[in-house]
PDB file of all heavy atoms in Angstrom:
ATOM      1  N   ALA A   1      18.478  -4.066  -8.254  1.00  0.00           N
ATOM      2  CA  ALA A   1      19.196  -4.168  -7.009  1.00  0.00           C
ATOM      3  C   ALA A   1      18.311  -3.690  -5.853  1.00  0.00           C
ATOM      4  O   ALA A   1      17.202  -3.212  -6.072  1.00  0.00           O
ATOM      5  CB  ALA A   1      20.468  -3.339  -7.079  1.00  0.00           C
ATOM      6  N   THR A   2      18.813  -3.794  -4.628  1.00  0.00           N
ATOM      7  CA  THR A   2      18.058  -3.349  -3.456  1.00  0.00           C
ATOM      8  C   THR A   2      17.569  -1.925  -3.637  1.00  0.00           C
ATOM      9  O   THR A   2      18.289  -1.066  -4.106  1.00  0.00           O
ATOM     10  CB  THR A   2      18.948  -3.428  -2.202  1.00  0.00           C
ATOM     11  OG1 THR A   2      19.484  -4.757  -2.111  1.00  0.00           O
ATOM     12  CG2 THR A   2      18.137  -3.129  -0.949  1.00  0.00           C
ATOM     13  N   SER A   3      16.329  -1.702  -3.269  1.00  0.00           N
ATOM     14  CA  SER A   3      15.719  -0.396  -3.478  1.00  0.00           C
ATOM     15  C   SER A   3      16.411   0.696  -2.678  1.00  0.00           C
ATOM     16  O   SER A   3      17.026   0.431  -1.632  1.00  0.00           O
ATOM     17  CB  SER A   3      14.222  -0.435  -3.103  1.00  0.00           C
ATOM     18  OG  SER A   3      14.070  -0.624  -1.704  1.00  0.00           O
ATOM     19  N   GLU A   4      16.200   1.908  -3.133  1.00  0.00           N
ATOM     20  CA  GLU A   4      16.803   3.057  -2.459  1.00  0.00           C
ATOM     21  C   GLU A   4      16.285   3.197  -1.035  1.00  0.00           C
ATOM     22  O   GLU A   4      16.979   3.598  -0.123  1.00  0.00           O
ATOM     23  CB  GLU A   4      16.462   4.324  -3.279  1.00  0.00           C
ATOM     24  CG  GLU A   4      16.985   5.614  -2.648  1.00  0.00           C
ATOM     25  CD  GLU A   4      16.462   6.823  -3.369  1.00  0.00           C
ATOM     26  OE1 GLU A   4      15.977   6.722  -4.518  1.00  0.00           O
ATOM     27  OE2 GLU A   4      16.522   7.930  -2.758  1.00  0.00           O
ATOM     28  N   THR A   5      15.000   2.849  -0.869  1.00  0.00           N
ATOM     29  CA  THR A   5      14.396   2.979   0.470  1.00  0.00           C
ATOM     30  C   THR A   5      15.136   2.120   1.483  1.00  0.00           C
ATOM     31  O   THR A   5      15.522   2.598   2.542  1.00  0.00           O
ATOM     32  CB  THR A   5      12.925   2.496   0.397  1.00  0.00           C
ATOM     33  OG1 THR A   5      12.261   3.209  -0.643  1.00  0.00           O
ATOM     34  CG2 THR A   5      12.212   2.741   1.723  1.00  0.00           C
ATOM     35  N   ASN A   6      15.370   0.841   1.139  1.00  0.00           N
ATOM     36  CA  ASN A   6      16.039  -0.053   2.065  1.00  0.00           C
ATOM     37  C   ASN A   6      17.499   0.355   2.285  1.00  0.00           C
ATOM     38  O   ASN A   6      18.047   0.164   3.367  1.00  0.00           O
ATOM     39  CB  ASN A   6      15.995  -1.493   1.559  1.00  0.00           C
ATOM     40  CG  ASN A   6      14.595  -2.071   1.653  1.00  0.00           C
ATOM     41  OD1 ASN A   6      13.840  -1.672   2.511  1.00  0.00           O
ATOM     42  ND2 ASN A   6      14.279  -3.035   0.811  1.00  0.00           N
ATOM     43  N   ALA A   7      18.127   0.916   1.254  1.00  0.00           N
ATOM     44  CA  ALA A   7      19.519   1.292   1.366  1.00  0.00           C
ATOM     45  C   ALA A   7      19.732   2.499   2.271  1.00  0.00           C
ATOM     46  O   ALA A   7      20.793   2.708   2.817  1.00  0.00           O
ATOM     47  CB  ALA A   7      20.090   1.564  -0.014  1.00  0.00           C
ATOM     48  N   THR A   8      18.723   3.355   2.418  1.00  0.00           N
ATOM     49  CA  THR A   8      18.867   4.626   3.139  1.00  0.00           C
ATOM     50  C   THR A   8      18.346   4.554   4.565  1.00  0.00           C
ATOM     51  O   THR A   8      18.957   5.041   5.492  1.00  0.00           O
ATOM     52  CB  THR A   8      18.128   5.747   2.374  1.00  0.00           C
ATOM     53  OG1 THR A   8      18.501   5.691   1.010  1.00  0.00           O
ATOM     54  CG2 THR A   8      18.472   7.106   2.950  1.00  0.00           C
ATOM     55  N   TYR A   9      17.190   3.949   4.767  1.00  0.00           N
ATOM     56  CA  TYR A   9      16.614   3.886   6.091  1.00  0.00           C
ATOM     57  C   TYR A   9      15.699   2.670   6.166  1.00  0.00           C
ATOM     58  O   TYR A   9      15.213   2.162   5.156  1.00  0.00           O
ATOM     59  CB  TYR A   9      15.843   5.145   6.433  1.00  0.00           C
ATOM     60  CG  TYR A   9      15.245   5.835   5.253  1.00  0.00           C
ATOM     61  CD1 TYR A   9      14.133   5.294   4.577  1.00  0.00           C
ATOM     62  CD2 TYR A   9      15.808   7.006   4.778  1.00  0.00           C
ATOM     63  CE1 TYR A   9      13.622   5.920   3.465  1.00  0.00           C
ATOM     64  CE2 TYR A   9      15.290   7.626   3.659  1.00  0.00           C
ATOM     65  CZ  TYR A   9      14.201   7.097   3.001  1.00  0.00           C
ATOM     66  OH  TYR A   9      13.688   7.704   1.902  1.00  0.00           O
ATOM     67  N   SER A  10      15.502   2.185   7.380  1.00  0.00           N
ATOM     68  CA  SER A  10      14.721   0.963   7.575  1.00  0.00           C
ATOM     69  C   SER A  10      13.256   1.294   7.780  1.00  0.00           C
ATOM     70  O   SER A  10      12.916   2.188   8.534  1.00  0.00           O
ATOM     71  CB  SER A  10      15.282   0.222   8.804  1.00  0.00           C
ATOM     72  OG  SER A  10      14.486  -0.893   9.115  1.00  0.00           O
ATOM     73  N   VAL A  11      12.417   0.538   7.093  1.00  0.00           N
ATOM     74  CA  VAL A  11      10.962   0.618   7.281  1.00  0.00           C
ATOM     75  C   VAL A  11      10.508  -0.763   7.754  1.00  0.00           C
ATOM     76  O   VAL A  11      10.844  -1.759   7.166  1.00  0.00           O
ATOM     77  CB  VAL A  11      10.241   0.977   5.965  1.00  0.00           C
ATOM     78  CG1 VAL A  11       8.738   1.061   6.186  1.00  0.00           C
ATOM     79  CG2 VAL A  11      10.770   2.314   5.434  1.00  0.00           C
ATOM     80  N   SER A  12       9.761  -0.780   8.853  1.00  0.00           N
ATOM     81  CA  SER A  12       9.323  -2.092   9.399  1.00  0.00           C
ATOM     82  C   SER A  12       8.313  -2.738   8.473  1.00  0.00           C
ATOM     83  O   SER A  12       7.618  -2.053   7.706  1.00  0.00           O
ATOM     84  CB  SER A  12       8.720  -1.886  10.788  1.00  0.00           C
ATOM     85  OG  SER A  12       7.470  -1.205  10.710  1.00  0.00           O
ATOM     86  N   LYS A  13       8.216  -4.054   8.566  1.00  0.00           N
ATOM     87  CA  LYS A  13       7.236  -4.810   7.755  1.00  0.00           C
ATOM     88  C   LYS A  13       5.817  -4.354   8.085  1.00  0.00           C
ATOM     89  O   LYS A  13       4.957  -4.309   7.208  1.00  0.00           O
ATOM     90  CB  LYS A  13       7.380  -6.308   8.024  1.00  0.00           C
ATOM     91  CG  LYS A  13       8.606  -6.935   7.382  1.00  0.00           C
ATOM     92  CD  LYS A  13       8.447  -7.012   5.872  1.00  0.00           C
ATOM     93  CE  LYS A  13       9.645  -7.720   5.230  1.00  0.00           C
ATOM     94  NZ  LYS A  13       9.516  -7.729   3.732  1.00  0.00           N
ATOM     95  N   LYS A  14       5.574  -4.036   9.326  1.00  0.00           N
ATOM     96  CA  LYS A  14       4.248  -3.585   9.747  1.00  0.00           C
ATOM     97  C   LYS A  14       3.892  -2.264   9.054  1.00  0.00           C
ATOM     98  O   LYS A  14       2.757  -2.071   8.589  1.00  0.00           O
ATOM     99  CB  LYS A  14       4.205  -3.424  11.278  1.00  0.00           C
ATOM    100  CG  LYS A  14       2.825  -3.139  11.820  1.00  0.00           C
ATOM    101  CD  LYS A  14       2.838  -2.954  13.352  1.00  0.00           C
ATOM    102  CE  LYS A  14       3.179  -4.246  14.033  1.00  0.00           C
ATOM    103  NZ  LYS A  14       3.092  -4.123  15.525  1.00  0.00           N
ATOM    104  N   GLN A  15       4.876  -1.340   8.982  1.00  0.00           N
ATOM    105  CA  GLN A  15       4.620  -0.061   8.326  1.00  0.00           C
ATOM    106  C   GLN A  15       4.420  -0.233   6.805  1.00  0.00           C
ATOM    107  O   GLN A  15       3.546   0.393   6.219  1.00  0.00           O
ATOM    108  CB  GLN A  15       5.806   0.888   8.589  1.00  0.00           C
ATOM    109  CG  GLN A  15       5.881   1.377  10.002  1.00  0.00           C
ATOM    110  CD  GLN A  15       7.123   2.193  10.264  1.00  0.00           C
ATOM    111  OE1 GLN A  15       8.154   2.040   9.584  1.00  0.00           O
ATOM    112  NE2 GLN A  15       7.064   3.098  11.256  1.00  0.00           N
ATOM    113  N   SER A  16       5.204  -1.129   6.203  1.00  0.00           N
ATOM    114  CA  SER A  16       5.049  -1.404   4.773  1.00  0.00           C
ATOM    115  C   SER A  16       3.679  -1.973   4.478  1.00  0.00           C
ATOM    116  O   SER A  16       2.988  -1.548   3.559  1.00  0.00           O
ATOM    117  CB  SER A  16       6.124  -2.390   4.313  1.00  0.00           C
ATOM    118  OG  SER A  16       7.416  -1.856   4.432  1.00  0.00           O
ATOM    119  N   LEU A  17       3.250  -2.942   5.310  1.00  0.00           N
ATOM    120  CA  LEU A  17       1.933  -3.585   5.120  1.00  0.00           C
ATOM    121  C   LEU A  17       0.812  -2.577   5.316  1.00  0.00           C
ATOM    122  O   LEU A  17      -0.173  -2.575   4.548  1.00  0.00           O
ATOM    123  CB  LEU A  17       1.791  -4.756   6.080  1.00  0.00           C
ATOM    124  CG  LEU A  17       0.497  -5.583   5.964  1.00  0.00           C
ATOM    125  CD1 LEU A  17       0.410  -6.221   4.583  1.00  0.00           C
ATOM    126  CD2 LEU A  17       0.441  -6.664   7.055  1.00  0.00           C
ATOM    127  N   LEU A  18       0.955  -1.734   6.324  1.00  0.00           N
ATOM    128  CA  LEU A  18      -0.080  -0.747   6.597  1.00  0.00           C
ATOM    129  C   LEU A  18      -0.263   0.224   5.439  1.00  0.00           C
ATOM    130  O   LEU A  18      -1.399   0.516   5.030  1.00  0.00           O
ATOM    131  CB  LEU A  18       0.248   0.044   7.886  1.00  0.00           C
ATOM    132  CG  LEU A  18      -0.740   1.164   8.278  1.00  0.00           C
ATOM    133  CD1 LEU A  18      -2.118   0.587   8.542  1.00  0.00           C
ATOM    134  CD2 LEU A  18      -0.200   1.942   9.481  1.00  0.00           C
ATOM    135  N   THR A  19       0.869   0.759   4.913  1.00  0.00           N
ATOM    136  CA  THR A  19       0.760   1.712   3.799  1.00  0.00           C
ATOM    137  C   THR A  19       0.202   1.026   2.544  1.00  0.00           C
ATOM    138  O   THR A  19      -0.570   1.645   1.794  1.00  0.00           O
ATOM    139  CB  THR A  19       2.131   2.345   3.487  1.00  0.00           C
ATOM    140  OG1 THR A  19       3.091   1.329   3.279  1.00  0.00           O
ATOM    141  CG2 THR A  19       2.569   3.280   4.597  1.00  0.00           C
ATOM    142  N   LEU A  20       0.568  -0.221   2.321  1.00  0.00           N
ATOM    143  CA  LEU A  20       0.031  -0.934   1.162  1.00  0.00           C
ATOM    144  C   LEU A  20      -1.465  -1.131   1.269  1.00  0.00           C
ATOM    145  O   LEU A  20      -2.224  -0.795   0.348  1.00  0.00           O
ATOM    146  CB  LEU A  20       0.738  -2.287   0.993  1.00  0.00           C
ATOM    147  CG  LEU A  20       0.206  -3.175  -0.148  1.00  0.00           C
ATOM    148  CD1 LEU A  20       0.480  -2.544  -1.506  1.00  0.00           C
ATOM    149  CD2 LEU A  20       0.807  -4.586  -0.060  1.00  0.00           C
ATOM    150  N   ILE A  21      -1.916  -1.650   2.385  1.00  0.00           N
ATOM    151  CA  ILE A  21      -3.348  -1.906   2.595  1.00  0.00           C
ATOM    152  C   ILE A  21      -4.151  -0.609   2.550  1.00  0.00           C
ATOM    153  O   ILE A  21      -5.198  -0.515   1.915  1.00  0.00           O
ATOM    154  CB  ILE A  21      -3.580  -2.665   3.911  1.00  0.00           C
ATOM    155  CG1 ILE A  21      -3.003  -4.079   3.840  1.00  0.00           C
ATOM    156  CG2 ILE A  21      -5.069  -2.742   4.242  1.00  0.00           C
ATOM    157  CD1 ILE A  21      -3.012  -4.822   5.148  1.00  0.00           C
ATOM    158  N   MET A  22      -3.646   0.412   3.239  1.00  0.00           N
ATOM    159  CA  MET A  22      -4.344   1.690   3.272  1.00  0.00           C
ATOM    160  C   MET A  22      -4.384   2.324   1.896  1.00  0.00           C
ATOM    161  O   MET A  22      -5.447   2.826   1.442  1.00  0.00           O
ATOM    162  CB  MET A  22      -3.681   2.651   4.264  1.00  0.00           C
ATOM    163  CG  MET A  22      -4.068   2.411   5.709  1.00  0.00           C
ATOM    164  SD  MET A  22      -3.584   3.844   6.705  1.00  0.00           S
ATOM    165  CE  MET A  22      -4.674   5.102   6.088  1.00  0.00           C
ATOM    166  N   GLY A  23      -3.218   2.328   1.227  1.00  0.00           N
ATOM    167  CA  GLY A  23      -3.163   2.963  -0.102  1.00  0.00           C
ATOM    168  C   GLY A  23      -4.060   2.300  -1.112  1.00  0.00           C
ATOM    169  O   GLY A  23      -4.867   2.996  -1.765  1.00  0.00           O
ATOM    170  N   VAL A  24      -3.981   0.984  -1.222  1.00  0.00           N
ATOM    171  CA  VAL A  24      -4.849   0.283  -2.190  1.00  0.00           C
ATOM    172  C   VAL A  24      -6.296   0.367  -1.775  1.00  0.00           C
ATOM    173  O   VAL A  24      -7.191   0.578  -2.604  1.00  0.00           O
ATOM    174  CB  VAL A  24      -4.399  -1.206  -2.305  1.00  0.00           C
ATOM    175  CG1 VAL A  24      -5.380  -2.004  -3.177  1.00  0.00           C
ATOM    176  CG2 VAL A  24      -2.995  -1.302  -2.871  1.00  0.00           C
ATOM    177  N   GLY A  25      -6.556   0.279  -0.451  1.00  0.00           N
ATOM    178  CA  GLY A  25      -7.910   0.399   0.028  1.00  0.00           C
ATOM    179  C   GLY A  25      -8.535   1.756  -0.291  1.00  0.00           C
ATOM    180  O   GLY A  25      -9.715   1.855  -0.691  1.00  0.00           O
ATOM    181  N   LEU A  26      -7.766   2.822  -0.133  1.00  0.00           N
ATOM    182  CA  LEU A  26      -8.266   4.171  -0.426  1.00  0.00           C
ATOM    183  C   LEU A  26      -8.444   4.393  -1.934  1.00  0.00           C
ATOM    184  O   LEU A  26      -9.363   5.119  -2.356  1.00  0.00           O
ATOM    185  CB  LEU A  26      -7.305   5.212   0.164  1.00  0.00           C
ATOM    186  CG  LEU A  26      -7.355   5.330   1.689  1.00  0.00           C
ATOM    187  CD1 LEU A  26      -6.159   6.099   2.215  1.00  0.00           C
ATOM    188  CD2 LEU A  26      -8.660   5.998   2.120  1.00  0.00           C
ATOM    189  N   LEU A  27      -7.608   3.767  -2.764  1.00  0.00           N
ATOM    190  CA  LEU A  27      -7.818   3.830  -4.204  1.00  0.00           C
ATOM    191  C   LEU A  27      -9.110   3.110  -4.592  1.00  0.00           C
ATOM    192  O   LEU A  27      -9.877   3.587  -5.433  1.00  0.00           O
ATOM    193  CB  LEU A  27      -6.620   3.226  -4.941  1.00  0.00           C
ATOM    194  CG  LEU A  27      -5.301   3.991  -4.853  1.00  0.00           C
ATOM    195  CD1 LEU A  27      -4.177   3.171  -5.469  1.00  0.00           C
ATOM    196  CD2 LEU A  27      -5.391   5.342  -5.540  1.00  0.00           C
ATOM    197  N   LEU A  28      -9.356   1.951  -3.959  1.00  0.00           N
ATOM    198  CA  LEU A  28     -10.579   1.200  -4.227  1.00  0.00           C
ATOM    199  C   LEU A  28     -11.799   1.962  -3.692  1.00  0.00           C
ATOM    200  O   LEU A  28     -12.935   1.744  -4.180  1.00  0.00           O
ATOM    201  CB  LEU A  28     -10.501  -0.173  -3.545  1.00  0.00           C
ATOM    202  CG  LEU A  28      -9.546  -1.193  -4.183  1.00  0.00           C
ATOM    203  CD1 LEU A  28      -9.375  -2.391  -3.266  1.00  0.00           C
ATOM    204  CD2 LEU A  28     -10.062  -1.636  -5.538  1.00  0.00           C
ATOM    205  N   PHE A  29     -11.604   2.789  -2.696  1.00  0.00           N
ATOM    206  CA  PHE A  29     -12.722   3.512  -2.094  1.00  0.00           C
ATOM    207  C   PHE A  29     -13.223   4.647  -2.985  1.00  0.00           C
ATOM    208  O   PHE A  29     -14.354   5.096  -2.823  1.00  0.00           O
ATOM    209  CB  PHE A  29     -12.280   4.099  -0.746  1.00  0.00           C
ATOM    210  CG  PHE A  29     -13.364   4.870  -0.035  1.00  0.00           C
ATOM    211  CD1 PHE A  29     -14.478   4.228   0.496  1.00  0.00           C
ATOM    212  CD2 PHE A  29     -13.245   6.249   0.124  1.00  0.00           C
ATOM    213  CE1 PHE A  29     -15.493   4.958   1.138  1.00  0.00           C
ATOM    214  CE2 PHE A  29     -14.226   6.988   0.753  1.00  0.00           C
ATOM    215  CZ  PHE A  29     -15.369   6.343   1.291  1.00  0.00           C
ATOM    216  N   VAL A  30     -12.392   5.081  -3.930  1.00  0.00           N
ATOM    217  CA  VAL A  30     -12.782   6.233  -4.768  1.00  0.00           C
ATOM    218  C   VAL A  30     -14.116   6.020  -5.483  1.00  0.00           C
ATOM    219  O   VAL A  30     -15.022   6.888  -5.419  1.00  0.00           O
ATOM    220  CB  VAL A  30     -11.664   6.584  -5.771  1.00  0.00           C
ATOM    221  CG1 VAL A  30     -12.137   7.638  -6.763  1.00  0.00           C
ATOM    222  CG2 VAL A  30     -10.435   7.098  -5.019  1.00  0.00           C
ATOM    223  N   PRO A  31     -14.332   4.892  -6.219  1.00  0.00           N
ATOM    224  CA  PRO A  31     -15.628   4.704  -6.853  1.00  0.00           C
ATOM    225  C   PRO A  31     -16.800   4.577  -5.861  1.00  0.00           C
ATOM    226  O   PRO A  31     -17.910   4.987  -6.155  1.00  0.00           O
ATOM    227  CB  PRO A  31     -15.472   3.405  -7.679  1.00  0.00           C
ATOM    228  CG  PRO A  31     -14.273   2.722  -7.132  1.00  0.00           C
ATOM    229  CD  PRO A  31     -13.390   3.813  -6.599  1.00  0.00           C
ATOM    230  N   ILE A  32     -16.495   4.043  -4.650  1.00  0.00           N
ATOM    231  CA  ILE A  32     -17.528   3.948  -3.601  1.00  0.00           C
ATOM    232  C   ILE A  32     -17.884   5.343  -3.130  1.00  0.00           C
ATOM    233  O   ILE A  32     -19.075   5.686  -2.947  1.00  0.00           O
ATOM    234  CB  ILE A  32     -17.046   3.068  -2.436  1.00  0.00           C
ATOM    235  CG1 ILE A  32     -16.715   1.667  -2.921  1.00  0.00           C
ATOM    236  CG2 ILE A  32     -18.075   3.045  -1.292  1.00  0.00           C
ATOM    237  CD1 ILE A  32     -16.042   0.770  -1.878  1.00  0.00           C
ATOM    238  N   PHE A  33     -16.861   6.177  -2.910  1.00  0.00           N
ATOM    239  CA  PHE A  33     -17.047   7.579  -2.509  1.00  0.00           C
ATOM    240  C   PHE A  33     -17.922   8.302  -3.531  1.00  0.00           C
ATOM    241  O   PHE A  33     -18.840   9.053  -3.147  1.00  0.00           O
ATOM    242  CB  PHE A  33     -15.687   8.259  -2.389  1.00  0.00           C
ATOM    243  CG  PHE A  33     -15.719   9.705  -2.009  1.00  0.00           C
ATOM    244  CD1 PHE A  33     -15.720  10.092  -0.670  1.00  0.00           C
ATOM    245  CD2 PHE A  33     -15.741  10.704  -2.970  1.00  0.00           C
ATOM    246  CE1 PHE A  33     -15.748  11.433  -0.308  1.00  0.00           C
ATOM    247  CE2 PHE A  33     -15.783  12.037  -2.653  1.00  0.00           C
ATOM    248  CZ  PHE A  33     -15.782  12.423  -1.290  1.00  0.00           C
ATOM    249  N   LYS A  34     -17.648   8.076  -4.788  1.00  0.00           N
ATOM    250  CA  LYS A  34     -18.405   8.732  -5.868  1.00  0.00           C
ATOM    251  C   LYS A  34     -19.861   8.284  -5.854  1.00  0.00           C
ATOM    252  O   LYS A  34     -20.786   9.084  -6.012  1.00  0.00           O
ATOM    253  CB  LYS A  34     -17.779   8.417  -7.228  1.00  0.00           C
ATOM    254  CG  LYS A  34     -18.498   9.064  -8.382  1.00  0.00           C
ATOM    255  CD  LYS A  34     -17.899   8.663  -9.710  1.00  0.00           C
ATOM    256  CE  LYS A  34     -18.600   9.372 -10.842  1.00  0.00           C
ATOM    257  NZ  LYS A  34     -20.046   9.094 -10.866  1.00  0.00           N
ATOM    258  N   THR A  35     -20.080   6.962  -5.639  1.00  0.00           N
ATOM    259  CA  THR A  35     -21.443   6.430  -5.649  1.00  0.00           C
ATOM    260  C   THR A  35     -22.258   6.954  -4.471  1.00  0.00           C
ATOM    261  O   THR A  35     -23.428   7.301  -4.613  1.00  0.00           O
ATOM    262  CB  THR A  35     -21.393   4.876  -5.579  1.00  0.00           C
ATOM    263  OG1 THR A  35     -20.643   4.391  -6.679  1.00  0.00           O
ATOM    264  CG2 THR A  35     -22.800   4.293  -5.633  1.00  0.00           C
ATOM    265  N   ILE A  36     -21.587   7.053  -3.315  1.00  0.00           N
ATOM    266  CA  ILE A  36     -22.289   7.514  -2.105  1.00  0.00           C
ATOM    267  C   ILE A  36     -22.590   9.018  -2.139  1.00  0.00           C
ATOM    268  O   ILE A  36     -23.703   9.452  -1.846  1.00  0.00           O
ATOM    269  CB  ILE A  36     -21.477   7.172  -0.848  1.00  0.00           C
ATOM    270  CG1 ILE A  36     -21.364   5.658  -0.677  1.00  0.00           C
ATOM    271  CG2 ILE A  36     -22.094   7.811   0.412  1.00  0.00           C
ATOM    272  CD1 ILE A  36     -20.407   5.224   0.430  1.00  0.00           C
TER     273      ILE A  36
END
């Protein structure tokens, strides 16, 4: 069913996209951080 997040408070599509891109990007950055 509809997630708890949507049922309780509204998150804009822009905020959702930003957190997804940033989160996955920062996870991908970990091996780069280690190499550098």
